[in-house]
Amino acid sequence: MLKEISKKQLLELKLILNQVKDSDYSKTLSILEDGTIGRHVRHVLEFYECLFFSNTEETVCYDDRKRNLKLEESARFAADYIDQIIDRIEQLGINKRLLLKSKFEQSEVLMESSLYREITYNIEHTVHHLAIIRIAISYELKYINLSKTFGYAASTIQYMESQKILN
């Protein structure tokens, strides 16, 4: 189930990337306090990168992201990178123990986690950024076709359906 949810979110993001102009993708937007859609996309993809590609000795550290500027400048490059992440998600096997390293001020904290827990974290992290991207698109880039549920958590979608808020 976690694999399917992750892939669904990433494919929804890819649909947006296939519609947005690179000039708009990397343009600072006042609604984002001079952030860009590209920066939010890069941030999401680099968390997946930390989990799937930068995982050494079974330790994950989201603070050690590479911050690849090409991911925030080129929607096409980001869309292609999503394909690589999805390939890795499809290859996932059983849950396994991981160590999560977090850096706070001058200290590092190591804690036990698991692959499935970190995928869940990435799902929640992604929905947060998709919601921000949704706001930016709704206000600034109205030519982009958004689904009714883009940027909503699965639990919110279920609630909206139960309340007949979604048509």
N, C-alpha and C. Protein backbone atom coordinates (compact mmCIF):
# COMPACT_ATOMS: atom_id res chain seq x y z
N MET A 1 0.81 -1.19 0.00
CA MET A 1 0.00 0.00 0.00
C MET A 1 0.86 1.26 0.00
N LEU A 2 1.91 1.29 0.80
CA LEU A 2 2.78 2.48 0.86
C LEU A 2 3.41 2.76 -0.50
N LYS A 3 3.78 1.70 -1.19
CA LYS A 3 4.37 1.88 -2.52
C LYS A 3 3.38 2.56 -3.45
N GLU A 4 2.13 2.12 -3.42
CA GLU A 4 1.12 2.67 -4.32
C GLU A 4 0.83 4.13 -4.00
N ILE A 5 0.76 4.46 -2.72
CA ILE A 5 0.49 5.85 -2.33
C ILE A 5 1.64 6.76 -2.76
N SER A 6 2.86 6.32 -2.51
CA SER A 6 4.03 7.12 -2.93
C SER A 6 4.03 7.34 -4.43
N LYS A 7 3.82 6.26 -5.16
CA LYS A 7 3.82 6.37 -6.62
C LYS A 7 2.70 7.29 -7.10
N LYS A 8 1.53 7.17 -6.50
CA LYS A 8 0.40 8.01 -6.90
C LYS A 8 0.72 9.49 -6.70
N GLN A 9 1.27 9.82 -5.55
CA GLN A 9 1.64 11.22 -5.30
C GLN A 9 2.67 11.71 -6.32
N LEU A 10 3.68 10.91 -6.56
CA LEU A 10 4.74 11.32 -7.48
C LEU A 10 4.22 11.44 -8.91
N LEU A 11 3.32 10.55 -9.30
CA LEU A 11 2.74 10.65 -10.64
C LEU A 11 1.84 11.88 -10.78
N GLU A 12 1.12 12.23 -9.71
CA GLU A 12 0.32 13.46 -9.73
C GLU A 12 1.24 14.68 -9.87
N LEU A 13 2.35 14.65 -9.18
CA LEU A 13 3.31 15.74 -9.30
C LEU A 13 3.88 15.80 -10.71
N LYS A 14 4.17 14.64 -11.28
CA LYS A 14 4.69 14.60 -12.64
C LYS A 14 3.70 15.19 -13.65
N LEU A 15 2.41 14.97 -13.43
CA LEU A 15 1.40 15.58 -14.31
C LEU A 15 1.51 17.10 -14.30
N ILE A 16 1.76 17.65 -13.15
CA ILE A 16 1.94 19.10 -13.03
C ILE A 16 3.22 19.52 -13.75
N LEU A 17 4.29 18.77 -13.55
CA LEU A 17 5.57 19.11 -14.18
C LEU A 17 5.47 19.06 -15.70
N ASN A 18 4.62 18.19 -16.22
CA ASN A 18 4.46 18.08 -17.67
C ASN A 18 3.62 19.24 -18.24
N GLN A 19 2.98 20.01 -17.38
CA GLN A 19 2.18 21.14 -17.83
C GLN A 19 2.86 22.49 -17.64
N VAL A 20 3.69 22.60 -16.62
CA VAL A 20 4.25 23.89 -16.25
C VAL A 20 5.39 24.31 -17.18
N LYS A 21 5.44 25.59 -17.50
CA LYS A 21 6.56 26.14 -18.26
C LYS A 21 7.76 26.28 -17.32
N ASP A 22 8.97 25.99 -17.83
CA ASP A 22 10.15 26.12 -16.98
C ASP A 22 10.28 27.52 -16.40
N SER A 23 9.91 28.53 -17.17
CA SER A 23 10.00 29.90 -16.67
C SER A 23 9.08 30.11 -15.46
N ASP A 24 7.92 29.47 -15.46
CA ASP A 24 7.02 29.56 -14.31
C ASP A 24 7.47 28.65 -13.17
N TYR A 25 8.04 27.52 -13.53
CA TYR A 25 8.51 26.54 -12.55
C TYR A 25 9.58 27.14 -11.65
N SER A 26 10.44 27.94 -12.22
CA SER A 26 11.56 28.50 -11.45
C SER A 26 11.36 29.97 -11.10
N LYS A 27 10.18 30.51 -11.38
CA LYS A 27 9.91 31.92 -11.10
C LYS A 27 9.55 32.10 -9.62
N THR A 28 10.14 33.13 -9.00
CA THR A 28 9.76 33.43 -7.62
C THR A 28 8.33 33.96 -7.61
N LEU A 29 7.56 33.47 -6.66
CA LEU A 29 6.15 33.83 -6.56
C LEU A 29 5.89 34.48 -5.21
N SER A 30 5.18 35.60 -5.24
CA SER A 30 4.90 36.31 -3.99
C SER A 30 4.08 35.46 -3.03
N ILE A 31 3.16 34.65 -3.56
CA ILE A 31 2.33 33.79 -2.71
C ILE A 31 3.18 32.78 -1.94
N LEU A 32 4.38 32.48 -2.46
CA LEU A 32 5.32 31.57 -1.79
C LEU A 32 6.42 32.35 -1.06
N GLU A 33 6.16 33.62 -0.81
CA GLU A 33 7.14 34.49 -0.17
C GLU A 33 8.48 34.42 -0.91
N ASP A 34 8.38 34.59 -2.22
CA ASP A 34 9.50 34.57 -3.16
C ASP A 34 10.17 33.21 -3.28
N GLY A 35 9.47 32.15 -2.89
CA GLY A 35 9.92 30.81 -3.19
C GLY A 35 9.45 30.44 -4.58
N THR A 36 9.78 29.24 -5.01
CA THR A 36 9.37 28.77 -6.33
C THR A 36 8.75 27.39 -6.21
N ILE A 37 7.96 27.05 -7.20
CA ILE A 37 7.43 25.69 -7.26
C ILE A 37 8.59 24.71 -7.37
N GLY A 38 9.56 25.06 -8.17
CA GLY A 38 10.73 24.19 -8.35
C GLY A 38 11.44 23.87 -7.05
N ARG A 39 11.56 24.83 -6.16
CA ARG A 39 12.22 24.57 -4.87
C ARG A 39 11.44 23.56 -4.05
N HIS A 40 10.12 23.67 -4.09
CA HIS A 40 9.31 22.70 -3.34
C HIS A 40 9.42 21.31 -3.96
N VAL A 41 9.45 21.24 -5.27
CA VAL A 41 9.60 19.94 -5.94
C VAL A 41 10.97 19.35 -5.60
N ARG A 42 12.00 20.16 -5.71
CA ARG A 42 13.36 19.68 -5.39
C ARG A 42 13.39 19.13 -3.97
N HIS A 43 12.81 19.85 -3.06
CA HIS A 43 12.81 19.45 -1.65
C HIS A 43 12.16 18.08 -1.47
N VAL A 44 11.02 17.88 -2.10
CA VAL A 44 10.32 16.59 -2.02
C VAL A 44 11.18 15.48 -2.60
N LEU A 45 11.70 15.71 -3.79
CA LEU A 45 12.46 14.65 -4.48
C LEU A 45 13.76 14.33 -3.75
N GLU A 46 14.37 15.32 -3.14
CA GLU A 46 15.61 15.04 -2.43
C GLU A 46 15.39 14.26 -1.15
N PHE A 47 14.21 14.36 -0.55
CA PHE A 47 13.93 13.50 0.60
C PHE A 47 13.84 12.04 0.15
N TYR A 48 13.19 11.81 -0.98
CA TYR A 48 13.18 10.45 -1.52
C TYR A 48 14.58 10.00 -1.91
N GLU A 49 15.36 10.91 -2.46
CA GLU A 49 16.74 10.58 -2.81
C GLU A 49 17.52 10.15 -1.58
N CYS A 50 17.36 10.87 -0.48
CA CYS A 50 18.05 10.50 0.75
C CYS A 50 17.68 9.09 1.20
N LEU A 51 16.42 8.75 1.04
CA LEU A 51 15.97 7.44 1.47
C LEU A 51 16.42 6.32 0.54
N PHE A 52 16.34 6.56 -0.76
CA PHE A 52 16.58 5.47 -1.70
C PHE A 52 17.95 5.44 -2.36
N PHE A 53 18.61 6.57 -2.47
CA PHE A 53 19.86 6.61 -3.22
C PHE A 53 21.06 6.97 -2.36
N SER A 54 20.85 7.66 -1.26
CA SER A 54 21.97 8.12 -0.44
C SER A 54 22.06 7.34 0.86
N ASN A 55 21.31 6.29 0.97
CA ASN A 55 21.26 5.49 2.18
C ASN A 55 22.52 4.64 2.28
N THR A 56 23.41 5.03 3.18
CA THR A 56 24.64 4.26 3.38
C THR A 56 24.63 3.66 4.77
N GLU A 57 25.08 2.44 4.86
CA GLU A 57 25.16 1.74 6.14
C GLU A 57 23.84 1.76 6.89
N GLU A 58 22.74 1.71 6.13
CA GLU A 58 21.40 1.64 6.72
C GLU A 58 21.06 2.87 7.56
N THR A 59 21.70 4.00 7.25
CA THR A 59 21.42 5.26 7.93
C THR A 59 20.87 6.27 6.94
N VAL A 60 19.79 6.92 7.32
CA VAL A 60 19.16 7.95 6.49
C VAL A 60 19.31 9.28 7.21
N CYS A 61 19.73 10.29 6.46
CA CYS A 61 19.81 11.64 7.02
C CYS A 61 19.25 12.62 5.99
N TYR A 62 18.08 13.18 6.29
CA TYR A 62 17.46 14.12 5.37
C TYR A 62 18.16 15.47 5.39
N ASP A 63 18.96 15.72 6.41
CA ASP A 63 19.68 16.98 6.50
C ASP A 63 20.86 17.04 5.53
N ASP A 64 21.32 15.90 5.05
CA ASP A 64 22.48 15.84 4.15
C ASP A 64 22.07 15.80 2.68
N ARG A 65 21.02 16.54 2.34
CA ARG A 65 20.57 16.56 0.95
C ARG A 65 21.60 17.24 0.06
N LYS A 66 21.62 16.83 -1.21
CA LYS A 66 22.58 17.40 -2.17
C LYS A 66 22.17 18.78 -2.66
N ARG A 67 20.88 19.07 -2.64
CA ARG A 67 20.34 20.33 -3.11
C ARG A 67 20.73 20.59 -4.56
N ASN A 68 20.29 19.67 -5.41
CA ASN A 68 20.57 19.72 -6.85
C ASN A 68 19.70 20.81 -7.49
N LEU A 69 20.31 21.93 -7.84
CA LEU A 69 19.57 23.07 -8.38
C LEU A 69 18.88 22.76 -9.70
N LYS A 70 19.39 21.78 -10.44
CA LYS A 70 18.74 21.44 -11.70
C LYS A 70 17.32 20.92 -11.46
N LEU A 71 17.09 20.28 -10.31
CA LEU A 71 15.75 19.80 -9.98
C LEU A 71 14.77 20.94 -9.78
N GLU A 72 15.26 22.10 -9.35
CA GLU A 72 14.35 23.23 -9.14
C GLU A 72 14.30 24.18 -10.33
N GLU A 73 15.18 23.99 -11.30
CA GLU A 73 15.21 24.87 -12.48
C GLU A 73 14.53 24.25 -13.69
N SER A 74 14.50 22.94 -13.79
CA SER A 74 13.96 22.26 -14.97
C SER A 74 12.87 21.27 -14.57
N ALA A 75 11.65 21.59 -14.96
CA ALA A 75 10.53 20.69 -14.69
C ALA A 75 10.72 19.35 -15.39
N ARG A 76 11.29 19.35 -16.58
CA ARG A 76 11.52 18.11 -17.33
C ARG A 76 12.53 17.22 -16.61
N PHE A 77 13.60 17.82 -16.12
CA PHE A 77 14.60 17.07 -15.38
C PHE A 77 13.98 16.46 -14.13
N ALA A 78 13.16 17.24 -13.42
CA ALA A 78 12.49 16.74 -12.22
C ALA A 78 11.53 15.61 -12.57
N ALA A 79 10.81 15.74 -13.68
CA ALA A 79 9.88 14.68 -14.10
C ALA A 79 10.64 13.39 -14.39
N ASP A 80 11.78 13.50 -15.06
CA ASP A 80 12.60 12.31 -15.33
C ASP A 80 13.12 11.70 -14.03
N TYR A 81 13.45 12.54 -13.07
CA TYR A 81 13.95 12.04 -11.79
C TYR A 81 12.85 11.30 -11.03
N ILE A 82 11.63 11.78 -11.17
CA ILE A 82 10.49 11.07 -10.56
C ILE A 82 10.43 9.64 -11.09
N ASP A 83 10.68 9.45 -12.37
CA ASP A 83 10.68 8.09 -12.94
C ASP A 83 11.71 7.21 -12.24
N GLN A 84 12.88 7.76 -11.95
CA GLN A 84 13.92 6.99 -11.25
C GLN A 84 13.49 6.63 -9.83
N ILE A 85 12.85 7.57 -9.16
CA ILE A 85 12.36 7.30 -7.80
C ILE A 85 11.28 6.22 -7.83
N ILE A 86 10.38 6.32 -8.79
CA ILE A 86 9.32 5.32 -8.90
C ILE A 86 9.91 3.95 -9.20
N ASP A 87 10.93 3.88 -10.04
CA ASP A 87 11.61 2.60 -10.29
C ASP A 87 12.12 2.01 -8.98
N ARG A 88 12.70 2.85 -8.15
CA ARG A 88 13.24 2.37 -6.87
C ARG A 88 12.10 1.92 -5.94
N ILE A 89 11.01 2.67 -5.94
CA ILE A 89 9.86 2.28 -5.11
C ILE A 89 9.34 0.92 -5.54
N GLU A 90 9.25 0.69 -6.85
CA GLU A 90 8.76 -0.59 -7.36
C GLU A 90 9.66 -1.75 -6.98
N GLN A 91 10.93 -1.50 -6.74
CA GLN A 91 11.88 -2.55 -6.37
C GLN A 91 11.89 -2.85 -4.87
N LEU A 92 11.14 -2.08 -4.10
CA LEU A 92 11.16 -2.26 -2.65
C LEU A 92 10.75 -3.66 -2.25
N GLY A 93 11.47 -4.16 -1.29
CA GLY A 93 11.15 -5.47 -0.74
C GLY A 93 10.51 -5.33 0.62
N ILE A 94 10.94 -6.16 1.50
CA ILE A 94 10.35 -6.19 2.84
C ILE A 94 10.86 -5.00 3.67
N ASN A 95 10.14 -4.74 4.72
CA ASN A 95 10.54 -3.70 5.65
C ASN A 95 11.89 -4.07 6.26
N LYS A 96 12.69 -3.07 6.57
CA LYS A 96 13.97 -3.33 7.22
C LYS A 96 14.27 -2.22 8.21
N ARG A 97 15.11 -2.52 9.14
CA ARG A 97 15.52 -1.57 10.16
C ARG A 97 16.45 -0.53 9.54
N LEU A 98 16.25 0.72 9.92
CA LEU A 98 17.12 1.82 9.51
C LEU A 98 17.45 2.66 10.73
N LEU A 99 18.51 3.41 10.61
CA LEU A 99 18.80 4.44 11.59
C LEU A 99 18.53 5.78 10.93
N LEU A 100 17.86 6.65 11.64
CA LEU A 100 17.59 8.00 11.17
C LEU A 100 18.52 8.94 11.91
N LYS A 101 19.27 9.71 11.14
CA LYS A 101 20.16 10.70 11.75
C LYS A 101 19.58 12.08 11.49
N SER A 102 19.42 12.85 12.56
CA SER A 102 18.94 14.22 12.45
C SER A 102 19.95 15.14 13.10
N LYS A 103 20.08 16.31 12.51
CA LYS A 103 21.03 17.30 13.02
C LYS A 103 20.26 18.49 13.57
N PHE A 104 20.58 18.82 14.81
CA PHE A 104 19.97 19.97 15.47
C PHE A 104 21.08 20.82 16.07
N GLU A 105 21.14 22.07 15.60
CA GLU A 105 22.18 22.98 16.03
C GLU A 105 23.54 22.30 15.87
N GLN A 106 24.26 22.09 16.94
CA GLN A 106 25.59 21.48 16.84
C GLN A 106 25.60 19.99 17.20
N SER A 107 24.41 19.39 17.26
CA SER A 107 24.31 18.00 17.70
C SER A 107 23.69 17.13 16.62
N GLU A 108 24.00 15.84 16.71
CA GLU A 108 23.36 14.84 15.88
C GLU A 108 22.62 13.86 16.78
N VAL A 109 21.47 13.44 16.31
CA VAL A 109 20.68 12.47 17.04
C VAL A 109 20.48 11.26 16.13
N LEU A 110 20.74 10.09 16.64
CA LEU A 110 20.49 8.84 15.92
C LEU A 110 19.32 8.13 16.59
N MET A 111 18.39 7.67 15.79
CA MET A 111 17.25 6.95 16.35
C MET A 111 16.86 5.80 15.44
N GLU A 112 16.25 4.80 16.00
CA GLU A 112 15.80 3.67 15.21
C GLU A 112 14.57 4.04 14.41
N SER A 113 14.52 3.53 13.20
CA SER A 113 13.37 3.70 12.34
C SER A 113 13.28 2.46 11.47
N SER A 114 12.48 2.56 10.43
CA SER A 114 12.38 1.44 9.49
C SER A 114 12.10 2.01 8.11
N LEU A 115 12.30 1.20 7.12
CA LEU A 115 12.04 1.60 5.75
C LEU A 115 10.59 2.05 5.58
N TYR A 116 9.66 1.26 6.09
CA TYR A 116 8.25 1.61 5.94
C TYR A 116 7.90 2.90 6.69
N ARG A 117 8.50 3.09 7.85
CA ARG A 117 8.26 4.32 8.60
C ARG A 117 8.76 5.52 7.81
N GLU A 118 9.89 5.40 7.17
CA GLU A 118 10.45 6.52 6.42
C GLU A 118 9.70 6.76 5.11
N ILE A 119 9.16 5.71 4.52
CA ILE A 119 8.29 5.91 3.36
C ILE A 119 7.03 6.66 3.79
N THR A 120 6.49 6.28 4.94
CA THR A 120 5.32 6.98 5.47
C THR A 120 5.65 8.45 5.72
N TYR A 121 6.80 8.70 6.28
CA TYR A 121 7.23 10.08 6.50
C TYR A 121 7.31 10.84 5.17
N ASN A 122 7.87 10.21 4.16
CA ASN A 122 7.98 10.86 2.85
C ASN A 122 6.60 11.14 2.25
N ILE A 123 5.66 10.25 2.45
CA ILE A 123 4.30 10.48 1.96
C ILE A 123 3.71 11.73 2.63
N GLU A 124 3.83 11.82 3.95
CA GLU A 124 3.30 12.96 4.68
C GLU A 124 4.04 14.25 4.31
N HIS A 125 5.33 14.15 4.16
CA HIS A 125 6.14 15.30 3.77
C HIS A 125 5.74 15.78 2.38
N THR A 126 5.53 14.85 1.48
CA THR A 126 5.15 15.18 0.10
C THR A 126 3.80 15.87 0.07
N VAL A 127 2.81 15.37 0.79
CA VAL A 127 1.49 15.98 0.74
C VAL A 127 1.55 17.42 1.25
N HIS A 128 2.37 17.67 2.23
CA HIS A 128 2.55 19.04 2.74
C HIS A 128 3.03 19.97 1.63
N HIS A 129 4.03 19.54 0.88
CA HIS A 129 4.57 20.39 -0.19
C HIS A 129 3.64 20.45 -1.39
N LEU A 130 2.92 19.37 -1.68
CA LEU A 130 1.94 19.42 -2.76
C LEU A 130 0.83 20.42 -2.44
N ALA A 131 0.46 20.52 -1.17
CA ALA A 131 -0.55 21.50 -0.77
C ALA A 131 -0.05 22.93 -1.02
N ILE A 132 1.21 23.17 -0.74
CA ILE A 132 1.79 24.49 -0.99
C ILE A 132 1.84 24.77 -2.49
N ILE A 133 2.24 23.76 -3.25
CA ILE A 133 2.28 23.90 -4.72
C ILE A 133 0.88 24.18 -5.25
N ARG A 134 -0.12 23.50 -4.69
CA ARG A 134 -1.51 23.72 -5.11
C ARG A 134 -1.91 25.18 -4.92
N ILE A 135 -1.56 25.76 -3.79
CA ILE A 135 -1.87 27.17 -3.52
C ILE A 135 -1.22 28.05 -4.57
N ALA A 136 0.06 27.81 -4.84
CA ALA A 136 0.78 28.64 -5.82
C ALA A 136 0.14 28.53 -7.20
N ILE A 137 -0.18 27.33 -7.62
CA ILE A 137 -0.78 27.13 -8.95
C ILE A 137 -2.16 27.78 -9.01
N SER A 138 -2.95 27.62 -7.96
CA SER A 138 -4.31 28.18 -7.94
C SER A 138 -4.31 29.70 -8.06
N TYR A 139 -3.29 30.34 -7.51
CA TYR A 139 -3.23 31.80 -7.53
C TYR A 139 -2.42 32.37 -8.68
N GLU A 140 -1.39 31.66 -9.10
CA GLU A 140 -0.44 32.25 -10.03
C GLU A 140 -0.41 31.59 -11.42
N LEU A 141 -0.73 30.31 -11.51
CA LEU A 141 -0.55 29.57 -12.76
C LEU A 141 -1.83 28.84 -13.13
N LYS A 142 -2.85 29.60 -13.38
CA LYS A 142 -4.20 29.04 -13.59
C LYS A 142 -4.30 28.17 -14.84
N TYR A 143 -3.31 28.22 -15.73
CA TYR A 143 -3.36 27.38 -16.93
C TYR A 143 -3.08 25.91 -16.63
N ILE A 144 -2.57 25.62 -15.43
CA ILE A 144 -2.25 24.24 -15.06
C ILE A 144 -3.52 23.57 -14.54
N ASN A 145 -3.79 22.39 -15.06
CA ASN A 145 -4.96 21.62 -14.67
C ASN A 145 -4.65 20.81 -13.42
N LEU A 146 -5.30 21.16 -12.32
CA LEU A 146 -5.13 20.45 -11.05
C LEU A 146 -6.30 19.50 -10.83
N SER A 147 -6.01 18.32 -10.32
CA SER A 147 -7.10 17.44 -9.92
C SER A 147 -7.74 18.02 -8.66
N LYS A 148 -8.96 17.60 -8.38
CA LYS A 148 -9.67 18.10 -7.19
C LYS A 148 -8.97 17.72 -5.90
N THR A 149 -8.17 16.66 -5.93
CA THR A 149 -7.56 16.16 -4.70
C THR A 149 -6.05 16.40 -4.63
N PHE A 150 -5.48 17.08 -5.62
CA PHE A 150 -4.04 17.34 -5.60
C PHE A 150 -3.68 18.13 -4.34
N GLY A 151 -2.74 17.62 -3.57
CA GLY A 151 -2.29 18.32 -2.38
C GLY A 151 -3.08 18.03 -1.12
N TYR A 152 -3.99 17.07 -1.19
CA TYR A 152 -4.76 16.68 -0.01
C TYR A 152 -4.26 15.34 0.50
N ALA A 153 -4.24 15.20 1.81
CA ALA A 153 -3.87 13.93 2.42
C ALA A 153 -4.96 12.90 2.15
N ALA A 154 -4.57 11.63 2.13
CA ALA A 154 -5.53 10.55 1.88
C ALA A 154 -6.68 10.59 2.89
N SER A 155 -6.39 10.89 4.14
CA SER A 155 -7.45 10.93 5.16
C SER A 155 -8.42 12.08 4.89
N THR A 156 -7.92 13.19 4.38
CA THR A 156 -8.79 14.32 4.04
C THR A 156 -9.68 13.97 2.86
N ILE A 157 -9.12 13.31 1.87
CA ILE A 157 -9.91 12.89 0.71
C ILE A 157 -11.01 11.94 1.15
N GLN A 158 -10.67 10.97 2.00
CA GLN A 158 -11.69 10.03 2.51
C GLN A 158 -12.79 10.77 3.26
N TYR A 159 -12.40 11.74 4.08
CA TYR A 159 -13.40 12.51 4.82
C TYR A 159 -14.28 13.30 3.86
N MET A 160 -13.67 13.96 2.89
CA MET A 160 -14.43 14.75 1.94
C MET A 160 -15.41 13.88 1.16
N GLU A 161 -14.97 12.67 0.80
CA GLU A 161 -15.86 11.75 0.10
C GLU A 161 -17.02 11.31 1.00
N SER A 162 -16.73 11.05 2.27
CA SER A 162 -17.77 10.61 3.19
C SER A 162 -18.80 11.72 3.45
N GLN A 163 -18.36 12.96 3.33
CA GLN A 163 -19.25 14.10 3.53
C GLN A 163 -19.86 14.59 2.22
N LYS A 164 -19.56 13.88 1.15
CA LYS A 164 -20.03 14.21 -0.18
C LYS A 164 -19.59 15.62 -0.62
N ILE A 165 -18.39 16.01 -0.16
CA ILE A 165 -17.80 17.30 -0.55
C ILE A 165 -17.19 17.18 -1.95
N LEU A 166 -16.64 16.01 -2.25
CA LEU A 166 -16.09 15.76 -3.59
C LEU A 166 -17.18 15.21 -4.48
N ASN A 167 -17.23 15.68 -5.69
CA ASN A 167 -18.24 15.18 -6.65
C ASN A 167 -17.70 14.02 -7.43
